[in-house]
Amino acid sequence: MDQTASVWLVLLLALAMANMPFISNRLFAVYALKSPKNLAVRLAELLAWYLLAGGIGLFLEQRTGQIAPQGWEFYAITGTLFLTFAFPGFTYRYLFKHKS
C-alpha cells in the first residue's frame, strides 16, 4: 500500500470511528448495555476510538518508513479533526427528533 492510500484509509477509518459512539447504542459497537449510553460514556468511547485510529495511523506510518516526531500541536489538530468528524453522528443522536 502506498502512502497516499494509507492516508485516505486512516481518514476514512477516523470518520467511521468518530461517528460510532453516536450511531450505535452498544459499547464499542459490540457489547449491549443494560441502560442507554449517556453523553459521558459516548465521549469516553470517542476518546478510545481516537486512540485506536491514531494507533492504526502510527502502524501504517511505521510500515512506510521512519516515524515523524509529533508534539502537542499534532495531537491538538488531530483531536479537533476527530471531533469535527464526529459532528454528523452527534447531530443525528442529539439534534434530530427520533420517534419513540
PDB file of N, CA and C in Angstrom:
ATOM      1  N   MET A   1       0.855  -1.167   0.000  1.00  0.00           N
ATOM      2  CA  MET A   1       0.000   0.000   0.000  1.00  0.00           C
ATOM      3  C   MET A   1       0.902   1.231   0.000  1.00  0.00           C
ATOM      4  N   ASP A   2       0.624   2.165  -0.899  1.00  0.00           N
ATOM      5  CA  ASP A   2       1.452   3.371  -0.953  1.00  0.00           C
ATOM      6  C   ASP A   2       0.992   4.377   0.100  1.00  0.00           C
ATOM      7  N   GLN A   3       1.740   5.457   0.214  1.00  0.00           N
ATOM      8  CA  GLN A   3       1.498   6.430   1.272  1.00  0.00           C
ATOM      9  C   GLN A   3       0.167   7.155   1.097  1.00  0.00           C
ATOM     10  N   THR A   4      -0.210   7.473  -0.126  1.00  0.00           N
ATOM     11  CA  THR A   4      -1.474   8.169  -0.373  1.00  0.00           C
ATOM     12  C   THR A   4      -2.661   7.297   0.035  1.00  0.00           C
ATOM     13  N   ALA A   5      -2.599   6.033  -0.300  1.00  0.00           N
ATOM     14  CA  ALA A   5      -3.679   5.117   0.085  1.00  0.00           C
ATOM     15  C   ALA A   5      -3.749   4.972   1.603  1.00  0.00           C
ATOM     16  N   SER A   6      -2.609   4.970   2.274  1.00  0.00           N
ATOM     17  CA  SER A   6      -2.597   4.884   3.735  1.00  0.00           C
ATOM     18  C   SER A   6      -3.255   6.102   4.371  1.00  0.00           C
ATOM     19  N   VAL A   7      -2.974   7.265   3.825  1.00  0.00           N
ATOM     20  CA  VAL A   7      -3.574   8.492   4.362  1.00  0.00           C
ATOM     21  C   VAL A   7      -5.083   8.456   4.200  1.00  0.00           C
ATOM     22  N   TRP A   8      -5.559   8.073   3.022  1.00  0.00           N
ATOM     23  CA  TRP A   8      -7.003   8.009   2.792  1.00  0.00           C
ATOM     24  C   TRP A   8      -7.660   6.947   3.657  1.00  0.00           C
ATOM     25  N   LEU A   9      -6.978   5.829   3.863  1.00  0.00           N
ATOM     26  CA  LEU A   9      -7.511   4.775   4.718  1.00  0.00           C
ATOM     27  C   LEU A   9      -7.669   5.270   6.152  1.00  0.00           C
ATOM     28  N   VAL A  10      -6.670   5.951   6.665  1.00  0.00           N
ATOM     29  CA  VAL A  10      -6.744   6.467   8.042  1.00  0.00           C
ATOM     30  C   VAL A  10      -7.840   7.521   8.157  1.00  0.00           C
ATOM     31  N   LEU A  11      -7.981   8.386   7.167  1.00  0.00           N
ATOM     32  CA  LEU A  11      -9.035   9.404   7.221  1.00  0.00           C
ATOM     33  C   LEU A  11     -10.429   8.782   7.189  1.00  0.00           C
ATOM     34  N   LEU A  12     -10.632   7.789   6.341  1.00  0.00           N
ATOM     35  CA  LEU A  12     -11.949   7.131   6.276  1.00  0.00           C
ATOM     36  C   LEU A  12     -12.242   6.330   7.544  1.00  0.00           C
ATOM     37  N   LEU A  13     -11.222   5.662   8.080  1.00  0.00           N
ATOM     38  CA  LEU A  13     -11.405   4.956   9.351  1.00  0.00           C
ATOM     39  C   LEU A  13     -11.723   5.931  10.478  1.00  0.00           C
ATOM     40  N   ALA A  14     -11.039   7.059  10.509  1.00  0.00           N
ATOM     41  CA  ALA A  14     -11.299   8.059  11.548  1.00  0.00           C
ATOM     42  C   ALA A  14     -12.711   8.617  11.426  1.00  0.00           C
ATOM     43  N   LEU A  15     -13.183   8.822  10.215  1.00  0.00           N
ATOM     44  CA  LEU A  15     -14.551   9.307  10.013  1.00  0.00           C
ATOM     45  C   LEU A  15     -15.562   8.289  10.528  1.00  0.00           C
ATOM     46  N   ALA A  16     -15.360   7.030  10.227  1.00  0.00           N
ATOM     47  CA  ALA A  16     -16.276   5.991  10.701  1.00  0.00           C
ATOM     48  C   ALA A  16     -16.184   5.823  12.219  1.00  0.00           C
ATOM     49  N   MET A  17     -14.964   5.814  12.750  1.00  0.00           N
ATOM     50  CA  MET A  17     -14.783   5.616  14.192  1.00  0.00           C
ATOM     51  C   MET A  17     -15.302   6.794  15.009  1.00  0.00           C
ATOM     52  N   ALA A  18     -15.214   7.992  14.471  1.00  0.00           N
ATOM     53  CA  ALA A  18     -15.682   9.170  15.201  1.00  0.00           C
ATOM     54  C   ALA A  18     -17.198   9.163  15.354  1.00  0.00           C
ATOM     55  N   ASN A  19     -17.903   8.579  14.412  1.00  0.00           N
ATOM     56  CA  ASN A  19     -19.362   8.551  14.477  1.00  0.00           C
ATOM     57  C   ASN A  19     -19.908   7.322  15.187  1.00  0.00           C
ATOM     58  N   MET A  20     -19.074   6.334  15.417  1.00  0.00           N
ATOM     59  CA  MET A  20     -19.524   5.084  16.021  1.00  0.00           C
ATOM     60  C   MET A  20     -20.177   5.253  17.399  1.00  0.00           C
ATOM     61  N   PRO A  21     -19.654   6.087  18.312  1.00  0.00           N
ATOM     62  CA  PRO A  21     -20.308   6.206  19.624  1.00  0.00           C
ATOM     63  C   PRO A  21     -21.721   6.782  19.549  1.00  0.00           C
ATOM     64  N   PHE A  22     -21.993   7.580  18.538  1.00  0.00           N
ATOM     65  CA  PHE A  22     -23.293   8.238  18.454  1.00  0.00           C
ATOM     66  C   PHE A  22     -24.306   7.447  17.632  1.00  0.00           C
ATOM     67  N   ILE A  23     -23.839   6.630  16.729  1.00  0.00           N
ATOM     68  CA  ILE A  23     -24.749   5.847  15.888  1.00  0.00           C
ATOM     69  C   ILE A  23     -25.173   4.566  16.589  1.00  0.00           C
ATOM     70  N   SER A  24     -24.239   3.907  17.252  1.00  0.00           N
ATOM     71  CA  SER A  24     -24.513   2.623  17.895  1.00  0.00           C
ATOM     72  C   SER A  24     -24.868   2.818  19.366  1.00  0.00           C
ATOM     73  N   ASN A  25     -25.868   2.067  19.830  1.00  0.00           N
ATOM     74  CA  ASN A  25     -26.216   2.096  21.250  1.00  0.00           C
ATOM     75  C   ASN A  25     -25.434   1.061  22.043  1.00  0.00           C
ATOM     76  N   ARG A  26     -24.601   0.296  21.373  1.00  0.00           N
ATOM     77  CA  ARG A  26     -23.759  -0.696  22.034  1.00  0.00           C
ATOM     78  C   ARG A  26     -22.404  -0.073  22.365  1.00  0.00           C
ATOM     79  N   LEU A  27     -21.779  -0.574  23.403  1.00  0.00           N
ATOM     80  CA  LEU A  27     -20.461  -0.095  23.790  1.00  0.00           C
ATOM     81  C   LEU A  27     -19.436  -0.660  22.817  1.00  0.00           C
ATOM     82  N   PHE A  28     -18.712   0.185  22.146  1.00  0.00           N
ATOM     83  CA  PHE A  28     -17.746  -0.169  21.104  1.00  0.00           C
ATOM     84  C   PHE A  28     -18.391  -0.981  19.988  1.00  0.00           C
ATOM     85  N   ALA A  29     -19.669  -0.755  19.766  1.00  0.00           N
ATOM     86  CA  ALA A  29     -20.458  -1.412  18.717  1.00  0.00           C
ATOM     87  C   ALA A  29     -20.526  -2.923  18.890  1.00  0.00           C
ATOM     88  N   VAL A  30     -20.208  -3.418  20.095  1.00  0.00           N
ATOM     89  CA  VAL A  30     -20.207  -4.863  20.329  1.00  0.00           C
ATOM     90  C   VAL A  30     -21.031  -5.235  21.553  1.00  0.00           C
ATOM     91  N   TYR A  31     -20.751  -4.611  22.685  1.00  0.00           N
ATOM     92  CA  TYR A  31     -21.316  -5.009  23.969  1.00  0.00           C
ATOM     93  C   TYR A  31     -22.615  -4.263  24.247  1.00  0.00           C
ATOM     94  N   ALA A  32     -23.712  -5.002  24.429  1.00  0.00           N
ATOM     95  CA  ALA A  32     -25.010  -4.394  24.726  1.00  0.00           C
ATOM     96  C   ALA A  32     -25.064  -3.995  26.202  1.00  0.00           C
ATOM     97  N   LEU A  33     -25.449  -2.759  26.453  1.00  0.00           N
ATOM     98  CA  LEU A  33     -25.553  -2.251  27.818  1.00  0.00           C
ATOM     99  C   LEU A  33     -26.975  -2.426  28.335  1.00  0.00           C
ATOM    100  N   LYS A  34     -27.112  -2.479  29.664  1.00  0.00           N
ATOM    101  CA  LYS A  34     -28.440  -2.627  30.260  1.00  0.00           C
ATOM    102  C   LYS A  34     -29.227  -1.327  30.204  1.00  0.00           C
ATOM    103  N   SER A  35     -28.537  -0.208  30.313  1.00  0.00           N
ATOM    104  CA  SER A  35     -29.183   1.101  30.227  1.00  0.00           C
ATOM    105  C   SER A  35     -28.608   1.856  29.035  1.00  0.00           C
ATOM    106  N   PRO A  36     -29.341   2.830  28.510  1.00  0.00           N
ATOM    107  CA  PRO A  36     -28.821   3.589  27.358  1.00  0.00           C
ATOM    108  C   PRO A  36     -27.552   4.364  27.719  1.00  0.00           C
ATOM    109  N   LYS A  37     -26.701   4.556  26.729  1.00  0.00           N
ATOM    110  CA  LYS A  37     -25.464   5.300  26.954  1.00  0.00           C
ATOM    111  C   LYS A  37     -25.786   6.777  27.145  1.00  0.00           C
ATOM    112  N   ASN A  38     -25.137   7.396  28.121  1.00  0.00           N
ATOM    113  CA  ASN A  38     -25.278   8.837  28.283  1.00  0.00           C
ATOM    114  C   ASN A  38     -24.110   9.532  27.569  1.00  0.00           C
ATOM    115  N   LEU A  39     -24.098  10.835  27.594  1.00  0.00           N
ATOM    116  CA  LEU A  39     -23.082  11.596  26.863  1.00  0.00           C
ATOM    117  C   LEU A  39     -21.673  11.327  27.378  1.00  0.00           C
ATOM    118  N   ALA A  40     -21.516  11.143  28.689  1.00  0.00           N
ATOM    119  CA  ALA A  40     -20.183  10.892  29.244  1.00  0.00           C
ATOM    120  C   ALA A  40     -19.612   9.573  28.731  1.00  0.00           C
ATOM    121  N   VAL A  41     -20.435   8.551  28.646  1.00  0.00           N
ATOM    122  CA  VAL A  41     -19.978   7.263  28.118  1.00  0.00           C
ATOM    123  C   VAL A  41     -19.633   7.399  26.643  1.00  0.00           C
ATOM    124  N   ARG A  42     -20.434   8.147  25.915  1.00  0.00           N
ATOM    125  CA  ARG A  42     -20.167   8.350  24.492  1.00  0.00           C
ATOM    126  C   ARG A  42     -18.859   9.114  24.278  1.00  0.00           C
ATOM    127  N   LEU A  43     -18.568  10.102  25.107  1.00  0.00           N
ATOM    128  CA  LEU A  43     -17.317  10.854  24.969  1.00  0.00           C
ATOM    129  C   LEU A  43     -16.110  10.006  25.354  1.00  0.00           C
ATOM    130  N   ALA A  44     -16.253   9.155  26.370  1.00  0.00           N
ATOM    131  CA  ALA A  44     -15.162   8.250  26.728  1.00  0.00           C
ATOM    132  C   ALA A  44     -14.911   7.249  25.597  1.00  0.00           C
ATOM    133  N   GLU A  45     -15.987   6.769  24.996  1.00  0.00           N
ATOM    134  CA  GLU A  45     -15.846   5.859  23.863  1.00  0.00           C
ATOM    135  C   GLU A  45     -15.222   6.583  22.671  1.00  0.00           C
ATOM    136  N   LEU A  46     -15.570   7.849  22.480  1.00  0.00           N
ATOM    137  CA  LEU A  46     -14.978   8.649  21.410  1.00  0.00           C
ATOM    138  C   LEU A  46     -13.465   8.781  21.602  1.00  0.00           C
ATOM    139  N   LEU A  47     -13.026   8.973  22.832  1.00  0.00           N
ATOM    140  CA  LEU A  47     -11.596   9.045  23.123  1.00  0.00           C
ATOM    141  C   LEU A  47     -10.909   7.714  22.805  1.00  0.00           C
ATOM    142  N   ALA A  48     -11.555   6.619  23.155  1.00  0.00           N
ATOM    143  CA  ALA A  48     -10.974   5.305  22.862  1.00  0.00           C
ATOM    144  C   ALA A  48     -10.874   5.072  21.352  1.00  0.00           C
ATOM    145  N   TRP A  49     -11.889   5.468  20.607  1.00  0.00           N
ATOM    146  CA  TRP A  49     -11.842   5.332  19.140  1.00  0.00           C
ATOM    147  C   TRP A  49     -10.746   6.222  18.562  1.00  0.00           C
ATOM    148  N   TYR A  50     -10.551   7.417  19.143  1.00  0.00           N
ATOM    149  CA  TYR A  50      -9.479   8.315  18.688  1.00  0.00           C
ATOM    150  C   TYR A  50      -8.107   7.659  18.871  1.00  0.00           C
ATOM    151  N   LEU A  51      -7.916   7.038  20.020  1.00  0.00           N
ATOM    152  CA  LEU A  51      -6.639   6.380  20.279  1.00  0.00           C
ATOM    153  C   LEU A  51      -6.438   5.188  19.343  1.00  0.00           C
ATOM    154  N   LEU A  52      -7.509   4.458  19.057  1.00  0.00           N
ATOM    155  CA  LEU A  52      -7.387   3.331  18.128  1.00  0.00           C
ATOM    156  C   LEU A  52      -7.068   3.812  16.714  1.00  0.00           C
ATOM    157  N   ALA A  53      -7.733   4.873  16.263  1.00  0.00           N
ATOM    158  CA  ALA A  53      -7.441   5.421  14.934  1.00  0.00           C
ATOM    159  C   ALA A  53      -6.003   5.945  14.874  1.00  0.00           C
ATOM    160  N   GLY A  54      -5.545   6.580  15.938  1.00  0.00           N
ATOM    161  CA  GLY A  54      -4.157   7.037  15.985  1.00  0.00           C
ATOM    162  C   GLY A  54      -3.173   5.886  15.968  1.00  0.00           C
ATOM    163  N   GLY A  55      -3.510   4.798  16.654  1.00  0.00           N
ATOM    164  CA  GLY A  55      -2.653   3.621  16.642  1.00  0.00           C
ATOM    165  C   GLY A  55      -2.545   2.996  15.269  1.00  0.00           C
ATOM    166  N   ILE A  56      -3.670   2.954  14.550  1.00  0.00           N
ATOM    167  CA  ILE A  56      -3.647   2.430  13.182  1.00  0.00           C
ATOM    168  C   ILE A  56      -2.822   3.340  12.282  1.00  0.00           C
ATOM    169  N   GLY A  57      -2.985   4.650  12.453  1.00  0.00           N
ATOM    170  CA  GLY A  57      -2.178   5.591  11.679  1.00  0.00           C
ATOM    171  C   GLY A  57      -0.695   5.461  11.977  1.00  0.00           C
ATOM    172  N   LEU A  58      -0.354   5.272  13.245  1.00  0.00           N
ATOM    173  CA  LEU A  58       1.048   5.081  13.633  1.00  0.00           C
ATOM    174  C   LEU A  58       1.609   3.796  13.029  1.00  0.00           C
ATOM    175  N   PHE A  59       0.808   2.731  13.042  1.00  0.00           N
ATOM    176  CA  PHE A  59       1.243   1.472  12.444  1.00  0.00           C
ATOM    177  C   PHE A  59       1.507   1.621  10.952  1.00  0.00           C
ATOM    178  N   LEU A  60       0.602   2.297  10.251  1.00  0.00           N
ATOM    179  CA  LEU A  60       0.789   2.484   8.809  1.00  0.00           C
ATOM    180  C   LEU A  60       1.977   3.390   8.504  1.00  0.00           C
ATOM    181  N   GLU A  61       2.194   4.404   9.345  1.00  0.00           N
ATOM    182  CA  GLU A  61       3.352   5.280   9.153  1.00  0.00           C
ATOM    183  C   GLU A  61       4.654   4.522   9.407  1.00  0.00           C
ATOM    184  N   GLN A  62       4.633   3.645  10.389  1.00  0.00           N
ATOM    185  CA  GLN A  62       5.821   2.861  10.706  1.00  0.00           C
ATOM    186  C   GLN A  62       6.158   1.897   9.572  1.00  0.00           C
ATOM    187  N   ARG A  63       5.153   1.388   8.887  1.00  0.00           N
ATOM    188  CA  ARG A  63       5.391   0.473   7.771  1.00  0.00           C
ATOM    189  C   ARG A  63       6.009   1.172   6.568  1.00  0.00           C
ATOM    190  N   THR A  64       5.724   2.473   6.400  1.00  0.00           N
ATOM    191  CA  THR A  64       6.252   3.190   5.235  1.00  0.00           C
ATOM    192  C   THR A  64       7.648   3.751   5.467  1.00  0.00           C
ATOM    193  N   GLY A  65       8.090   3.830   6.701  1.00  0.00           N
ATOM    194  CA  GLY A  65       9.426   4.368   6.956  1.00  0.00           C
ATOM    195  C   GLY A  65       9.554   4.900   8.356  1.00  0.00           C
ATOM    196  N   GLN A  66      10.382   5.912   8.511  1.00  0.00           N
ATOM    197  CA  GLN A  66      10.657   6.492   9.820  1.00  0.00           C
ATOM    198  C   GLN A  66       9.462   7.304  10.302  1.00  0.00           C
ATOM    199  N   ILE A  67       9.160   7.185  11.585  1.00  0.00           N
ATOM    200  CA  ILE A  67       8.046   7.917  12.180  1.00  0.00           C
ATOM    201  C   ILE A  67       8.487   9.349  12.460  1.00  0.00           C
ATOM    202  N   ALA A  68       7.681  10.305  12.011  1.00  0.00           N
ATOM    203  CA  ALA A  68       7.987  11.716  12.250  1.00  0.00           C
ATOM    204  C   ALA A  68       7.670  12.061  13.707  1.00  0.00           C
ATOM    205  N   PRO A  69       8.502  12.885  14.349  1.00  0.00           N
ATOM    206  CA  PRO A  69       8.216  13.268  15.737  1.00  0.00           C
ATOM    207  C   PRO A  69       6.984  14.178  15.793  1.00  0.00           C
ATOM    208  N   GLN A  70       6.136  13.936  16.814  1.00  0.00           N
ATOM    209  CA  GLN A  70       4.913  14.723  16.953  1.00  0.00           C
ATOM    210  C   GLN A  70       4.902  15.415  18.305  1.00  0.00           C
ATOM    211  N   GLY A  71       4.610  16.693  18.285  1.00  0.00           N
ATOM    212  CA  GLY A  71       4.481  17.471  19.513  1.00  0.00           C
ATOM    213  C   GLY A  71       3.017  17.635  19.870  1.00  0.00           C
ATOM    214  N   TRP A  72       2.761  18.524  20.816  1.00  0.00           N
ATOM    215  CA  TRP A  72       1.402  18.730  21.279  1.00  0.00           C
ATOM    216  C   TRP A  72       0.514  19.284  20.176  1.00  0.00           C
ATOM    217  N   GLU A  73       1.107  20.016  19.228  1.00  0.00           N
ATOM    218  CA  GLU A  73       0.331  20.598  18.137  1.00  0.00           C
ATOM    219  C   GLU A  73      -0.330  19.514  17.286  1.00  0.00           C
ATOM    220  N   PHE A  74       0.397  18.426  17.043  1.00  0.00           N
ATOM    221  CA  PHE A  74      -0.144  17.320  16.261  1.00  0.00           C
ATOM    222  C   PHE A  74      -1.381  16.740  16.933  1.00  0.00           C
ATOM    223  N   TYR A  75      -1.309  16.510  18.231  1.00  0.00           N
ATOM    224  CA  TYR A  75      -2.439  15.915  18.943  1.00  0.00           C
ATOM    225  C   TYR A  75      -3.606  16.887  19.064  1.00  0.00           C
ATOM    226  N   ALA A  76      -3.322  18.179  19.176  1.00  0.00           N
ATOM    227  CA  ALA A  76      -4.394  19.173  19.214  1.00  0.00           C
ATOM    228  C   ALA A  76      -5.137  19.220  17.880  1.00  0.00           C
ATOM    229  N   ILE A  77      -4.405  19.188  16.783  1.00  0.00           N
ATOM    230  CA  ILE A  77      -5.030  19.238  15.467  1.00  0.00           C
ATOM    231  C   ILE A  77      -5.799  17.958  15.175  1.00  0.00           C
ATOM    232  N   THR A  78      -5.192  16.789  15.440  1.00  0.00           N
ATOM    233  CA  THR A  78      -5.894  15.540  15.144  1.00  0.00           C
ATOM    234  C   THR A  78      -7.095  15.341  16.061  1.00  0.00           C
ATOM    235  N   GLY A  79      -7.001  15.811  17.296  1.00  0.00           N
ATOM    236  CA  GLY A  79      -8.147  15.721  18.205  1.00  0.00           C
ATOM    237  C   GLY A  79      -9.318  16.569  17.738  1.00  0.00           C
ATOM    238  N   THR A  80      -9.035  17.795  17.307  1.00  0.00           N
ATOM    239  CA  THR A  80     -10.119  18.644  16.809  1.00  0.00           C
ATOM    240  C   THR A  80     -10.655  18.131  15.476  1.00  0.00           C
ATOM    241  N   LEU A  81      -9.799  17.550  14.654  1.00  0.00           N
ATOM    242  CA  LEU A  81     -10.271  16.940  13.411  1.00  0.00           C
ATOM    243  C   LEU A  81     -11.189  15.761  13.711  1.00  0.00           C
ATOM    244  N   PHE A  82     -10.837  14.953  14.713  1.00  0.00           N
ATOM    245  CA  PHE A  82     -11.671  13.818  15.092  1.00  0.00           C
ATOM    246  C   PHE A  82     -13.017  14.294  15.634  1.00  0.00           C
ATOM    247  N   LEU A  83     -13.015  15.364  16.419  1.00  0.00           N
ATOM    248  CA  LEU A  83     -14.277  15.932  16.907  1.00  0.00           C
ATOM    249  C   LEU A  83     -15.117  16.477  15.760  1.00  0.00           C
ATOM    250  N   THR A  84     -14.472  17.075  14.774  1.00  0.00           N
ATOM    251  CA  THR A  84     -15.194  17.559  13.600  1.00  0.00           C
ATOM    252  C   THR A  84     -15.799  16.397  12.819  1.00  0.00           C
ATOM    253  N   PHE A  85     -15.053  15.306  12.704  1.00  0.00           N
ATOM    254  CA  PHE A  85     -15.589  14.118  12.049  1.00  0.00           C
ATOM    255  C   PHE A  85     -16.786  13.553  12.802  1.00  0.00           C
ATOM    256  N   ALA A  86     -16.849  13.730  14.132  1.00  0.00           N
ATOM    257  CA  ALA A  86     -17.931  13.186  14.949  1.00  0.00           C
ATOM    258  C   ALA A  86     -19.198  14.021  14.886  1.00  0.00           C
ATOM    259  N   PHE A  87     -19.153  15.177  14.267  1.00  0.00           N
ATOM    260  CA  PHE A  87     -20.317  16.066  14.256  1.00  0.00           C
ATOM    261  C   PHE A  87     -21.556  15.462  13.600  1.00  0.00           C
ATOM    262  N   PRO A  88     -21.451  14.750  12.466  1.00  0.00           N
ATOM    263  CA  PRO A  88     -22.679  14.156  11.901  1.00  0.00           C
ATOM    264  C   PRO A  88     -23.354  13.161  12.844  1.00  0.00           C
ATOM    265  N   GLY A  89     -22.592  12.337  13.520  1.00  0.00           N
ATOM    266  CA  GLY A  89     -23.175  11.385  14.460  1.00  0.00           C
ATOM    267  C   GLY A  89     -23.793  12.075  15.660  1.00  0.00           C
ATOM    268  N   PHE A  90     -23.127  13.110  16.173  1.00  0.00           N
ATOM    269  CA  PHE A  90     -23.671  13.883  17.289  1.00  0.00           C
ATOM    270  C   PHE A  90     -24.974  14.552  16.881  1.00  0.00           C
ATOM    271  N   THR A  91     -25.000  15.114  15.685  1.00  0.00           N
ATOM    272  CA  THR A  91     -26.204  15.768  15.188  1.00  0.00           C
ATOM    273  C   THR A  91     -27.344  14.767  15.064  1.00  0.00           C
ATOM    274  N   TYR A  92     -27.054  13.600  14.532  1.00  0.00           N
ATOM    275  CA  TYR A  92     -28.076  12.567  14.389  1.00  0.00           C
ATOM    276  C   TYR A  92     -28.617  12.141  15.750  1.00  0.00           C
ATOM    277  N   ARG A  93     -27.733  11.962  16.734  1.00  0.00           N
ATOM    278  CA  ARG A  93     -28.155  11.441  18.041  1.00  0.00           C
ATOM    279  C   ARG A  93     -28.887  12.478  18.870  1.00  0.00           C
ATOM    280  N   TYR A  94     -28.408  13.713  18.906  1.00  0.00           N
ATOM    281  CA  TYR A  94     -28.923  14.684  19.879  1.00  0.00           C
ATOM    282  C   TYR A  94     -29.741  15.823  19.279  1.00  0.00           C
ATOM    283  N   LEU A  95     -29.644  16.092  17.989  1.00  0.00           N
ATOM    284  CA  LEU A  95     -30.347  17.233  17.437  1.00  0.00           C
ATOM    285  C   LEU A  95     -31.537  16.862  16.561  1.00  0.00           C
ATOM    286  N   PHE A  96     -31.582  15.631  16.046  1.00  0.00           N
ATOM    287  CA  PHE A  96     -32.738  15.179  15.267  1.00  0.00           C
ATOM    288  C   PHE A  96     -33.780  14.582  16.207  1.00  0.00           C
ATOM    289  N   LYS A  97     -35.040  14.749  15.849  1.00  0.00           N
ATOM    290  CA  LYS A  97     -36.107  14.135  16.625  1.00  0.00           C
ATOM    291  C   LYS A  97     -36.271  12.694  16.182  1.00  0.00           C
ATOM    292  N   HIS A  98     -36.324  11.795  17.151  1.00  0.00           N
ATOM    293  CA  HIS A  98     -36.488  10.369  16.861  1.00  0.00           C
ATOM    294  C   HIS A  98     -37.859   9.928  17.380  1.00  0.00           C
ATOM    295  N   LYS A  99     -38.490   9.055  16.631  1.00  0.00           N
ATOM    296  CA  LYS A  99     -39.780   8.513  17.080  1.00  0.00           C
ATOM    297  C   LYS A  99     -39.537   7.517  18.199  1.00  0.00           C
ATOM    298  N   SER A 100     -40.278   7.666  19.277  1.00  0.00           N
ATOM    299  CA  SER A 100     -40.097   6.763  20.423  1.00  0.00           C
ATOM    300  C   SER A 100     -40.985   5.551  20.314  1.00  0.00           C
TER     301      SER A 100
END
